[in-house]
Protein backbone atom coordinates (compact mmCIF):
# COMPACT_ATOMS: atom_id res chain seq x y z
CA UNK A 1 -68.86 -42.91 -21.58
CA UNK A 2 -68.08 -42.82 -17.85
CA UNK A 3 -64.59 -44.19 -18.62
CA UNK A 4 -63.96 -41.41 -21.11
CA UNK A 5 -65.08 -38.79 -18.60
CA UNK A 6 -62.70 -40.21 -16.01
CA UNK A 7 -59.83 -40.07 -18.47
CA UNK A 8 -60.70 -36.48 -19.31
CA UNK A 9 -60.87 -35.52 -15.64
CA UNK A 10 -57.51 -37.13 -14.99
CA UNK A 11 -56.01 -35.28 -17.95
CA UNK A 12 -57.42 -31.94 -16.74
CA UNK A 13 -56.13 -32.52 -13.22
CA UNK A 14 -52.71 -33.48 -14.58
CA UNK A 15 -52.51 -30.33 -16.70
CA UNK A 16 -53.57 -28.19 -13.76
CA UNK A 17 -50.93 -29.84 -11.55
CA UNK A 18 -48.21 -29.22 -14.14
CA UNK A 19 -49.26 -25.59 -14.63
CA UNK A 20 -49.45 -25.02 -10.87
CA UNK A 21 -45.98 -26.59 -10.39
CA UNK A 22 -44.49 -24.44 -13.15
CA UNK A 23 -45.97 -21.29 -11.58
CA UNK A 24 -44.52 -22.18 -8.18
CA UNK A 25 -41.07 -22.87 -9.63
CA UNK A 26 -41.17 -19.67 -11.70
CA UNK A 27 -42.25 -17.66 -8.66
CA UNK A 28 -39.43 -19.04 -6.55
CA UNK A 29 -36.92 -18.32 -9.33
CA UNK A 30 -38.12 -14.72 -9.64
CA UNK A 31 -37.85 -14.33 -5.88
CA UNK A 32 -34.30 -15.71 -5.88
CA UNK A 33 -33.28 -13.42 -8.73
CA UNK A 34 -34.80 -10.42 -6.93
CA UNK A 35 -33.00 -11.32 -3.71
CA UNK A 36 -29.69 -11.75 -5.56
CA UNK A 37 -30.11 -8.33 -7.20
CA UNK A 38 -30.99 -6.72 -3.88
CA UNK A 39 -27.98 -8.38 -2.27
CA UNK A 40 -25.69 -7.07 -4.99
CA UNK A 41 -27.12 -3.60 -4.53
CA UNK A 42 -26.37 -3.51 -0.81
CA UNK A 43 -22.77 -4.75 -1.18
CA UNK A 44 -20.58 -1.69 -0.72
CA UNK A 45 -17.88 -1.12 -3.31
CA UNK A 46 -14.40 -0.33 -2.05
CA UNK A 47 -14.02 3.47 -1.95
CA UNK A 48 -11.33 4.97 -4.17
CA UNK A 49 -9.37 8.20 -4.09
CA UNK A 50 -10.65 10.96 -6.36
CA UNK A 51 -7.32 12.62 -7.12
CA UNK A 52 -9.05 15.61 -8.69
CA UNK A 53 -10.04 16.61 -5.13
CA UNK A 54 -6.46 16.92 -3.88
CA UNK A 55 -5.77 20.43 -2.60
CA UNK A 56 -2.30 21.93 -2.86
CA UNK A 57 -1.30 24.53 -0.27
CA UNK A 58 2.24 25.89 -0.63
CA UNK A 59 3.29 22.66 -2.34
CA UNK A 60 1.76 20.45 0.34
CA UNK A 61 -0.98 18.06 -0.76
CA UNK A 62 -4.15 17.47 1.28
CA UNK A 63 -7.24 15.37 0.66
CA UNK A 64 -10.58 14.67 2.26
CA UNK A 65 -13.84 13.06 1.21
CA UNK A 66 -16.52 10.92 2.81
CA UNK A 67 -14.16 7.96 3.27
CA UNK A 68 -10.63 9.35 3.43
CA UNK A 69 -8.59 12.03 5.14
CA UNK A 70 -4.90 12.68 4.55
CA UNK A 71 -1.61 13.39 6.25
CA UNK A 72 1.34 15.33 4.82
CA UNK A 73 4.83 13.95 5.21
CA UNK A 74 8.41 13.69 4.01
CA UNK A 75 11.09 11.03 3.73
CA UNK A 76 14.75 11.57 4.55
CA UNK A 77 18.10 9.83 4.68
CA UNK A 78 21.72 10.66 5.45
CA UNK A 79 21.88 12.75 2.28
CA UNK A 80 20.00 15.46 4.21
CA UNK A 81 22.10 16.49 7.19
CA UNK A 82 21.51 18.70 10.23
CA UNK A 83 17.71 18.72 9.98
CA UNK A 84 16.01 21.16 12.33
CA UNK A 85 13.02 19.04 13.32
CA UNK A 86 11.37 21.84 15.28
CA UNK A 87 11.17 23.93 12.13
CA UNK A 88 10.02 20.88 10.16
CA UNK A 89 7.13 20.43 12.60
CA UNK A 90 6.28 24.13 12.38
CA UNK A 91 6.10 23.71 8.59
CA UNK A 92 3.13 21.35 9.14
CA UNK A 93 4.94 18.08 8.46
CA UNK A 94 2.86 15.37 10.15
CA UNK A 95 4.93 12.26 9.42
CA UNK A 96 8.45 11.39 8.36
CA UNK A 97 9.81 8.22 6.84
CA UNK A 98 13.51 7.81 7.45
CA UNK A 99 15.96 5.32 6.06
CA UNK A 100 17.15 2.96 8.76
CA UNK A 101 19.76 1.30 6.59
CA UNK A 102 20.69 -0.20 3.25
CA UNK A 103 22.48 -3.04 1.51
CA UNK A 104 25.28 -2.07 -0.86
CA UNK A 105 24.34 -2.37 -4.51
CA UNK A 106 27.69 -3.94 -5.38
CA UNK A 107 29.29 -5.04 -2.10
CA UNK A 108 26.22 -6.66 -0.61
CA UNK A 109 27.23 -5.33 2.80
CA UNK A 110 24.69 -3.89 5.25
CA UNK A 111 25.09 -0.26 6.30
CA UNK A 112 23.45 1.94 8.91
CA UNK A 113 22.01 5.22 7.71
CA UNK A 114 24.35 7.64 9.46
CA UNK A 115 21.58 10.13 10.26
CA UNK A 116 18.91 7.68 11.40
CA UNK A 117 19.37 7.93 15.16
CA UNK A 118 19.50 11.73 15.06
CA UNK A 119 16.48 11.91 12.76
CA UNK A 120 14.49 9.47 14.86
CA UNK A 121 15.05 11.44 18.07
CA UNK A 122 14.43 14.79 16.40
CA UNK A 123 11.13 13.73 14.85
CA UNK A 124 9.89 12.03 18.02
CA UNK A 125 10.79 14.96 20.25
CA UNK A 126 8.73 17.25 18.03
CA UNK A 127 5.63 15.10 17.77
CA UNK A 128 6.13 13.94 14.19
CA UNK A 129 4.98 10.40 13.40
CA UNK A 130 7.87 8.14 12.41
CA UNK A 131 8.18 5.33 9.89
CA UNK A 132 11.31 3.54 8.66
CA UNK A 133 12.35 2.07 5.35
CA UNK A 134 15.18 -0.23 4.35
CA UNK A 135 16.86 -0.05 0.95
CA UNK A 136 17.26 -3.66 -0.16
CA UNK A 137 19.58 -5.25 -2.67
CA UNK A 138 18.85 -8.83 -1.60
CA UNK A 139 19.52 -11.46 -4.25
CA UNK A 140 17.49 -14.18 -2.54
CA UNK A 141 15.07 -14.78 0.32
CA UNK A 142 17.87 -15.63 2.75
CA UNK A 143 19.40 -12.19 2.28
CA UNK A 144 15.97 -10.52 2.53
CA UNK A 145 15.39 -12.21 5.89
CA UNK A 146 18.88 -11.13 6.96
CA UNK A 147 17.89 -7.54 6.12
CA UNK A 148 14.70 -7.89 8.16
CA UNK A 149 16.65 -9.21 11.15
CA UNK A 150 19.03 -6.29 10.80
CA UNK A 151 16.12 -3.82 10.87
CA UNK A 152 14.47 -5.53 13.84
CA UNK A 153 17.70 -5.33 15.83
CA UNK A 154 17.87 -1.57 15.31
CA UNK A 155 14.22 -1.05 16.20
CA UNK A 156 14.64 -2.55 19.65
CA UNK A 157 13.63 -0.02 22.27
CA UNK A 158 12.10 2.32 19.67
CA UNK A 159 8.49 3.10 19.01
CA UNK A 160 7.45 3.70 15.41
CA UNK A 161 4.06 4.87 14.24
CA UNK A 162 3.94 3.65 10.66
CA UNK A 163 4.62 0.41 8.76
CA UNK A 164 8.16 -0.77 8.03
CA UNK A 165 8.81 -0.27 4.32
CA UNK A 166 10.71 -2.53 1.93
CA UNK A 167 12.37 -0.48 -0.81
CA UNK A 168 14.12 -2.24 -3.70
CA UNK A 169 15.11 -0.19 -6.73
CA UNK A 170 17.50 0.13 -9.62
CA UNK A 171 20.82 1.77 -8.89
CA UNK A 172 22.51 3.52 -11.78
CA UNK A 173 26.20 2.58 -11.82
CA UNK A 174 28.72 3.68 -14.39
CA UNK A 175 31.43 1.02 -14.14
CA UNK A 176 29.93 -1.70 -11.96
CA UNK A 177 27.02 -4.09 -12.17
CA UNK A 178 24.21 -3.88 -9.65
CA UNK A 179 24.15 -7.16 -7.75
CA UNK A 180 20.40 -7.72 -8.28
CA UNK A 181 20.71 -7.30 -12.04
CA UNK A 182 19.26 -10.31 -13.82
CA UNK A 183 16.83 -11.31 -11.08
CA UNK A 184 13.33 -11.95 -12.38
CA UNK A 185 10.02 -10.67 -11.00
CA UNK A 186 9.32 -13.88 -9.14
CA UNK A 187 12.59 -13.79 -7.21
CA UNK A 188 12.30 -10.10 -6.39
CA UNK A 189 8.73 -10.61 -5.21
CA UNK A 190 9.82 -13.64 -3.15
CA UNK A 191 12.48 -11.46 -1.52
CA UNK A 192 9.95 -8.75 -0.73
CA UNK A 193 7.52 -11.19 0.87
CA UNK A 194 10.26 -12.90 2.87
CA UNK A 195 11.37 -9.55 4.33
CA UNK A 196 7.84 -8.47 5.21
CA UNK A 197 6.81 -11.80 6.70
CA UNK A 198 9.79 -11.72 9.06
CA UNK A 199 9.03 -8.14 10.11
CA UNK A 200 5.39 -9.02 10.69
CA UNK A 201 6.36 -11.94 12.91
CA UNK A 202 7.54 -9.33 15.44
CA UNK A 203 4.24 -7.45 15.37
CA UNK A 204 5.09 -4.64 12.94
CA UNK A 205 3.00 -3.68 9.93
CA UNK A 206 4.70 -3.54 6.54
CA UNK A 207 4.48 -1.64 3.28
CA UNK A 208 6.02 -1.87 -0.21
CA UNK A 209 7.69 1.10 -1.92
CA UNK A 210 7.63 1.04 -5.70
CA UNK A 211 7.25 3.05 -8.89
CA UNK A 212 5.64 2.29 -12.25
CA UNK A 213 8.58 0.80 -14.15
CA UNK A 214 9.68 -1.37 -11.24
CA UNK A 215 6.14 -2.55 -10.54
CA UNK A 216 5.55 -3.39 -14.19
CA UNK A 217 8.89 -5.08 -14.80
CA UNK A 218 10.33 -6.48 -11.58
CA UNK A 219 7.37 -7.22 -9.34
CA UNK A 220 4.52 -9.68 -9.51
CA UNK A 221 2.10 -7.07 -8.23
CA UNK A 222 -0.81 -9.47 -7.86
CA UNK A 223 1.18 -11.14 -5.08
CA UNK A 224 2.01 -7.85 -3.36
CA UNK A 225 -1.17 -5.81 -3.86
CA UNK A 226 -2.72 -6.92 -0.57
CA UNK A 227 -0.01 -4.87 1.21
CA UNK A 228 -0.13 -1.09 1.55
CA UNK A 229 1.69 0.54 -1.36
CA UNK A 230 3.93 3.60 -1.23
CA UNK A 231 4.02 4.75 -4.83
CA UNK A 232 6.41 7.25 -6.38
CA UNK A 233 5.36 9.29 -9.39
CA UNK A 234 6.29 12.91 -9.96
CA UNK A 235 5.08 15.85 -12.04
CA UNK A 236 1.59 14.50 -12.60
CA UNK A 237 -1.92 15.40 -11.51
CA UNK A 238 -2.48 11.87 -10.20
CA UNK A 239 -0.53 8.62 -10.01
CA UNK A 240 -1.38 6.28 -12.86
CA UNK A 241 -1.37 2.99 -11.01
CA UNK A 242 -3.70 0.00 -11.19
CA UNK A 243 -3.59 -0.76 -7.47
CA UNK A 244 -4.75 1.15 -4.38
CA UNK A 245 -2.15 3.55 -2.97
CA UNK A 246 -1.64 4.31 0.71
CA UNK A 247 1.14 6.89 0.26
CA UNK A 248 1.88 8.89 -2.87
CA UNK A 249 5.39 10.33 -3.14
CA UNK A 250 4.48 13.13 -5.52
CA UNK A 251 7.65 15.26 -5.52
CA UNK A 252 11.37 14.89 -4.93
CA UNK A 253 12.08 18.62 -5.14
CA UNK A 254 10.12 19.86 -2.16
CA UNK A 255 11.16 22.74 0.07
CA UNK A 256 10.70 22.27 3.82
CA UNK A 257 11.70 24.72 6.55
CA UNK A 258 14.52 23.25 8.63
CA UNK A 259 15.92 21.13 5.78
CA UNK A 260 18.72 22.36 3.57
CA UNK A 261 18.11 20.65 0.24
CA UNK A 262 15.40 19.19 -1.98
CA UNK A 263 13.08 16.92 -0.01
CA UNK A 264 10.69 14.16 -1.05
CA UNK A 265 7.06 15.11 -0.39
CA UNK A 266 4.31 12.60 0.36
CA UNK A 267 0.58 12.45 0.96
CA UNK A 268 -0.81 9.57 3.01
CA UNK A 269 -4.43 8.56 2.50
CA UNK A 270 -6.14 7.42 5.70
CA UNK A 271 -9.46 5.60 5.87
CA UNK A 272 -11.65 7.50 8.30
CA UNK A 273 -13.05 4.30 9.76
CA UNK A 274 -9.48 3.20 10.54
CA UNK A 275 -8.77 6.23 12.72
CA UNK A 276 -8.85 5.69 16.49
CA UNK A 277 -11.89 7.03 18.34
């Protein structure tokens, strides 16, 4: 009888130990799950632009919310001559991107933008922030690096306020073939990265200019999306793009005092926590 009682006691103690162990494990698991949920709740999601909040004043776009402010700007090249930068400033233009040069779409030669030096001085003298872009037609990484070196040489002694932009696009030619025709998305993305890496080696920030068709067809955007994007899309309430946009070129038919001709209009979105104190 005593032996049976001992066996029963051992069995009861064993069951109690198992139940107690299960309760401890379950309690720890619930605690871990609760902590994971709480951790997920405190992780901040990346803020996005609510394009429905863009305000248009005389054709100029402005934006502000809890996370972002904006800046209004234009971009110009030698096709717009004799710009009166004082009047441009008075028309509330805050920044200007100007073409610093280009590679020929058929010749492959490098050319200065004939108005760059004048535009640079005019914008700077009137307190307008300056950025530069280069129109590329590089067929490989070697040429893209050559373009970067060319830009760096012309930036010596100059102070720019915005990232250097790489701009590669289709050129519509009637009787000749564009030299980058036939390049695939990998090669064109390799060229873009090669250009930007070389520019960054000298301490400049960089940005990619693109538009929907080019991004979809000729870029591997997953490789480029970590860079600021200058996106062109016109005649729409908001740009339909799957990646964050730093600058939206929303019109190519803008009217700006001091410029004789249609002008590209841009809105730059600026993170408030990125602004200097």
